[in-house]
Amino acid sequence: MTNKKPANQWQPGQTGNPKGRPPGQSEITKLRKSIMNDAPDILAKLVTAAKAGDVQAARLILERVLPPVKPMEQAIELDLTGDTLTAQGRAVLSAVSAGALAPSQGSQLIAAIGALVRVAEIDELERRLSDLEAKI
């Protein structure tokens, strides 16, 4: 048995369709084109239904036109000068419990402190490994 490639097989990096699929030939594109013909009528009926009191129609229009409002929190200055990361975490929790810091901000800060702990652990492990290698 030989491993000879057939003459009509494509070479590496070569394609049987170098120009690719012609634009507008996918099923999604065809579906969008067919819907776009009726879109003005659909939208007009949706607006009419919303004006007549159809809450779902109104909700659909508003969700597509107006982006959802995201809460904006004020930046505050927080003293995190504790000697340890645990002390800094306690300072964050104290600020949240005192109402000086929003719970979502406190949660983000605690998560950041947790990530910092993991980075510090990796640094400590690298230092210990270097010390062991130096002893050997």
C-alpha atoms as a PDB file:
ATOM      1  CA  MET A   1       0.000   0.000   0.000  1.00  0.00           C
ATOM      2  CA  THR A   2       1.411   3.416  -0.915  1.00  0.00           C
ATOM      3  CA  ASN A   3       0.802   6.766   0.729  1.00  0.00           C
ATOM      4  CA  LYS A   4       0.699   8.601  -2.601  1.00  0.00           C
ATOM      5  CA  LYS A   5      -1.736  11.519  -2.595  1.00  0.00           C
ATOM      6  CA  PRO A   6      -4.344  11.626  -5.339  1.00  0.00           C
ATOM      7  CA  ALA A   7      -3.650  14.256  -7.997  1.00  0.00           C
ATOM      8  CA  ASN A   8      -6.832  16.197  -7.220  1.00  0.00           C
ATOM      9  CA  GLN A   9      -6.226  16.618  -3.484  1.00  0.00           C
ATOM     10  CA  TRP A  10      -5.530  20.162  -2.259  1.00  0.00           C
ATOM     11  CA  GLN A  11      -2.067  21.133  -1.177  1.00  0.00           C
ATOM     12  CA  PRO A  12      -1.554  22.401   2.397  1.00  0.00           C
ATOM     13  CA  GLY A  13      -2.766  26.006   2.678  1.00  0.00           C
ATOM     14  CA  GLN A  14      -4.800  25.709  -0.498  1.00  0.00           C
ATOM     15  CA  THR A  15      -8.573  25.787  -0.626  1.00  0.00           C
ATOM     16  CA  GLY A  16     -11.107  24.500  -3.099  1.00  0.00           C
ATOM     17  CA  ASN A  17     -13.002  27.775  -2.908  1.00  0.00           C
ATOM     18  CA  PRO A  18     -10.451  30.625  -2.832  1.00  0.00           C
ATOM     19  CA  LYS A  19     -13.069  33.392  -3.116  1.00  0.00           C
ATOM     20  CA  GLY A  20     -15.217  31.910  -0.350  1.00  0.00           C
ATOM     21  CA  ARG A  21     -18.981  31.911  -0.145  1.00  0.00           C
ATOM     22  CA  PRO A  22     -20.517  34.818  -2.058  1.00  0.00           C
ATOM     23  CA  PRO A  23     -21.893  37.521   0.285  1.00  0.00           C
ATOM     24  CA  GLY A  24     -25.565  37.256   1.133  1.00  0.00           C
ATOM     25  CA  GLN A  25     -25.868  33.515   0.629  1.00  0.00           C
ATOM     26  CA  SER A  26     -26.119  32.346   4.233  1.00  0.00           C
ATOM     27  CA  GLU A  27     -29.477  31.329   5.683  1.00  0.00           C
ATOM     28  CA  ILE A  28     -29.329  34.076   8.304  1.00  0.00           C
ATOM     29  CA  THR A  29     -28.731  36.744   5.667  1.00  0.00           C
ATOM     30  CA  LYS A  30     -31.624  35.465   3.581  1.00  0.00           C
ATOM     31  CA  LEU A  31     -33.892  35.454   6.645  1.00  0.00           C
ATOM     32  CA  ARG A  32     -32.888  39.008   7.584  1.00  0.00           C
ATOM     33  CA  LYS A  33     -33.580  40.228   4.045  1.00  0.00           C
ATOM     34  CA  SER A  34     -37.050  38.683   4.057  1.00  0.00           C
ATOM     35  CA  ILE A  35     -37.867  40.217   7.442  1.00  0.00           C
ATOM     36  CA  MET A  36     -36.517  43.646   6.480  1.00  0.00           C
ATOM     37  CA  ASN A  37     -39.169  43.932   3.755  1.00  0.00           C
ATOM     38  CA  ASP A  38     -41.902  43.696   6.420  1.00  0.00           C
ATOM     39  CA  ALA A  39     -40.055  45.505   9.232  1.00  0.00           C
ATOM     40  CA  PRO A  40     -41.707  48.922   8.758  1.00  0.00           C
ATOM     41  CA  ASP A  41     -45.204  47.368   8.929  1.00  0.00           C
ATOM     42  CA  ILE A  42     -44.262  45.226  11.953  1.00  0.00           C
ATOM     43  CA  LEU A  43     -42.799  48.219  13.761  1.00  0.00           C
ATOM     44  CA  ALA A  44     -45.839  50.399  13.009  1.00  0.00           C
ATOM     45  CA  LYS A  45     -48.198  47.736  14.396  1.00  0.00           C
ATOM     46  CA  LEU A  46     -45.995  47.293  17.457  1.00  0.00           C
ATOM     47  CA  VAL A  47     -46.058  51.039  18.159  1.00  0.00           C
ATOM     48  CA  THR A  48     -49.836  51.122  17.667  1.00  0.00           C
ATOM     49  CA  ALA A  49     -50.256  48.212  20.093  1.00  0.00           C
ATOM     50  CA  ALA A  50     -48.000  49.917  22.649  1.00  0.00           C
ATOM     51  CA  LYS A  51     -49.998  53.147  22.383  1.00  0.00           C
ATOM     52  CA  ALA A  52     -53.204  51.146  22.865  1.00  0.00           C
ATOM     53  CA  GLY A  53     -51.903  49.821  26.176  1.00  0.00           C
ATOM     54  CA  ASP A  54     -50.107  46.617  25.224  1.00  0.00           C
ATOM     55  CA  VAL A  55     -47.470  46.532  27.955  1.00  0.00           C
ATOM     56  CA  GLN A  56     -45.368  43.836  26.278  1.00  0.00           C
ATOM     57  CA  ALA A  57     -45.198  45.822  23.048  1.00  0.00           C
ATOM     58  CA  ALA A  58     -44.202  48.960  24.953  1.00  0.00           C
ATOM     59  CA  ARG A  59     -41.587  47.034  26.906  1.00  0.00           C
ATOM     60  CA  LEU A  60     -40.105  45.534  23.742  1.00  0.00           C
ATOM     61  CA  ILE A  61     -39.824  48.952  22.098  1.00  0.00           C
ATOM     62  CA  LEU A  62     -38.294  50.586  25.169  1.00  0.00           C
ATOM     63  CA  GLU A  63     -35.799  47.756  25.711  1.00  0.00           C
ATOM     64  CA  ARG A  64     -34.570  48.133  22.137  1.00  0.00           C
ATOM     65  CA  VAL A  65     -34.483  51.924  22.087  1.00  0.00           C
ATOM     66  CA  LEU A  66     -33.301  52.846  25.597  1.00  0.00           C
ATOM     67  CA  PRO A  67     -30.368  51.012  27.151  1.00  0.00           C
ATOM     68  CA  PRO A  68     -30.866  49.804  30.723  1.00  0.00           C
ATOM     69  CA  VAL A  69     -29.788  52.267  33.377  1.00  0.00           C
ATOM     70  CA  LYS A  70     -26.733  51.079  35.245  1.00  0.00           C
ATOM     71  CA  PRO A  71     -26.111  52.223  38.798  1.00  0.00           C
ATOM     72  CA  MET A  72     -23.338  54.745  39.183  1.00  0.00           C
ATOM     73  CA  GLU A  73     -21.642  54.849  42.563  1.00  0.00           C
ATOM     74  CA  GLN A  74     -19.625  57.714  43.910  1.00  0.00           C
ATOM     75  CA  ALA A  75     -15.934  57.149  44.387  1.00  0.00           C
ATOM     76  CA  ILE A  76     -14.847  57.441  47.992  1.00  0.00           C
ATOM     77  CA  GLU A  77     -11.488  57.543  49.654  1.00  0.00           C
ATOM     78  CA  LEU A  78     -10.923  54.523  51.877  1.00  0.00           C
ATOM     79  CA  ASP A  79      -7.957  54.023  54.177  1.00  0.00           C
ATOM     80  CA  LEU A  80      -6.597  50.502  53.602  1.00  0.00           C
ATOM     81  CA  THR A  81      -3.302  50.940  55.374  1.00  0.00           C
ATOM     82  CA  GLY A  82      -3.634  47.815  57.523  1.00  0.00           C
ATOM     83  CA  ASP A  83      -0.506  45.753  58.112  1.00  0.00           C
ATOM     84  CA  THR A  84      -2.073  42.643  56.614  1.00  0.00           C
ATOM     85  CA  LEU A  85      -4.523  41.860  53.857  1.00  0.00           C
ATOM     86  CA  THR A  86      -6.878  40.581  56.557  1.00  0.00           C
ATOM     87  CA  ALA A  87      -6.808  44.002  58.225  1.00  0.00           C
ATOM     88  CA  GLN A  88      -7.545  45.646  54.887  1.00  0.00           C
ATOM     89  CA  GLY A  89     -10.494  43.295  54.361  1.00  0.00           C
ATOM     90  CA  ARG A  90     -11.800  44.195  57.816  1.00  0.00           C
ATOM     91  CA  ALA A  91     -11.490  47.899  56.957  1.00  0.00           C
ATOM     92  CA  VAL A  92     -13.621  47.332  53.849  1.00  0.00           C
ATOM     93  CA  LEU A  93     -16.249  45.430  55.844  1.00  0.00           C
ATOM     94  CA  SER A  94     -16.295  48.168  58.490  1.00  0.00           C
ATOM     95  CA  ALA A  95     -16.815  50.818  55.821  1.00  0.00           C
ATOM     96  CA  VAL A  96     -19.712  48.824  54.339  1.00  0.00           C
ATOM     97  CA  SER A  97     -21.316  48.268  57.728  1.00  0.00           C
ATOM     98  CA  ALA A  98     -20.943  51.976  58.580  1.00  0.00           C
ATOM     99  CA  GLY A  99     -22.648  52.938  55.324  1.00  0.00           C
ATOM    100  CA  ALA A 100     -19.604  54.763  53.973  1.00  0.00           C
ATOM    101  CA  LEU A 101     -19.213  52.221  51.166  1.00  0.00           C
ATOM    102  CA  ALA A 102     -21.886  50.604  49.003  1.00  0.00           C
ATOM    103  CA  PRO A 103     -22.172  46.815  49.417  1.00  0.00           C
ATOM    104  CA  SER A 104     -21.373  46.275  45.723  1.00  0.00           C
ATOM    105  CA  GLN A 105     -18.213  48.365  46.049  1.00  0.00           C
ATOM    106  CA  GLY A 106     -17.276  46.474  49.202  1.00  0.00           C
ATOM    107  CA  SER A 107     -17.780  43.178  47.397  1.00  0.00           C
ATOM    108  CA  GLN A 108     -15.543  44.309  44.548  1.00  0.00           C
ATOM    109  CA  LEU A 109     -12.841  45.439  46.933  1.00  0.00           C
ATOM    110  CA  ILE A 110     -12.965  42.166  48.885  1.00  0.00           C
ATOM    111  CA  ALA A 111     -12.657  40.264  45.583  1.00  0.00           C
ATOM    112  CA  ALA A 112      -9.665  42.428  44.639  1.00  0.00           C
ATOM    113  CA  ILE A 113      -8.035  41.765  48.006  1.00  0.00           C
ATOM    114  CA  GLY A 114      -8.665  38.026  47.476  1.00  0.00           C
ATOM    115  CA  ALA A 115      -6.939  38.204  44.092  1.00  0.00           C
ATOM    116  CA  LEU A 116      -4.057  40.029  45.718  1.00  0.00           C
ATOM    117  CA  VAL A 117      -3.797  37.232  48.284  1.00  0.00           C
ATOM    118  CA  ARG A 118      -3.443  34.668  45.500  1.00  0.00           C
ATOM    119  CA  VAL A 119      -0.719  36.747  43.826  1.00  0.00           C
ATOM    120  CA  ALA A 120       1.097  37.085  47.152  1.00  0.00           C
ATOM    121  CA  GLU A 121       0.872  33.297  47.668  1.00  0.00           C
ATOM    122  CA  ILE A 122       2.474  32.697  44.276  1.00  0.00           C
ATOM    123  CA  ASP A 123       5.258  35.162  45.087  1.00  0.00           C
ATOM    124  CA  GLU A 124       5.835  33.419  48.424  1.00  0.00           C
ATOM    125  CA  LEU A 125       5.960  29.983  46.762  1.00  0.00           C
ATOM    126  CA  GLU A 126       8.452  31.248  44.164  1.00  0.00           C
ATOM    127  CA  ARG A 127      10.636  32.706  46.917  1.00  0.00           C
ATOM    128  CA  ARG A 128      10.556  29.453  48.904  1.00  0.00           C
ATOM    129  CA  LEU A 129      11.349  27.410  45.798  1.00  0.00           C
ATOM    130  CA  SER A 130      14.311  29.666  44.986  1.00  0.00           C
ATOM    131  CA  ASP A 131      15.581  29.295  48.565  1.00  0.00           C
ATOM    132  CA  LEU A 132      15.293  25.486  48.356  1.00  0.00           C
ATOM    133  CA  GLU A 133      17.067  25.399  45.009  1.00  0.00           C
ATOM    134  CA  ALA A 134      19.853  27.576  46.392  1.00  0.00           C
ATOM    135  CA  LYS A 135      20.314  25.171  49.343  1.00  0.00           C
ATOM    136  CA  ILE A 136      20.518  22.157  47.043  1.00  0.00           C
END
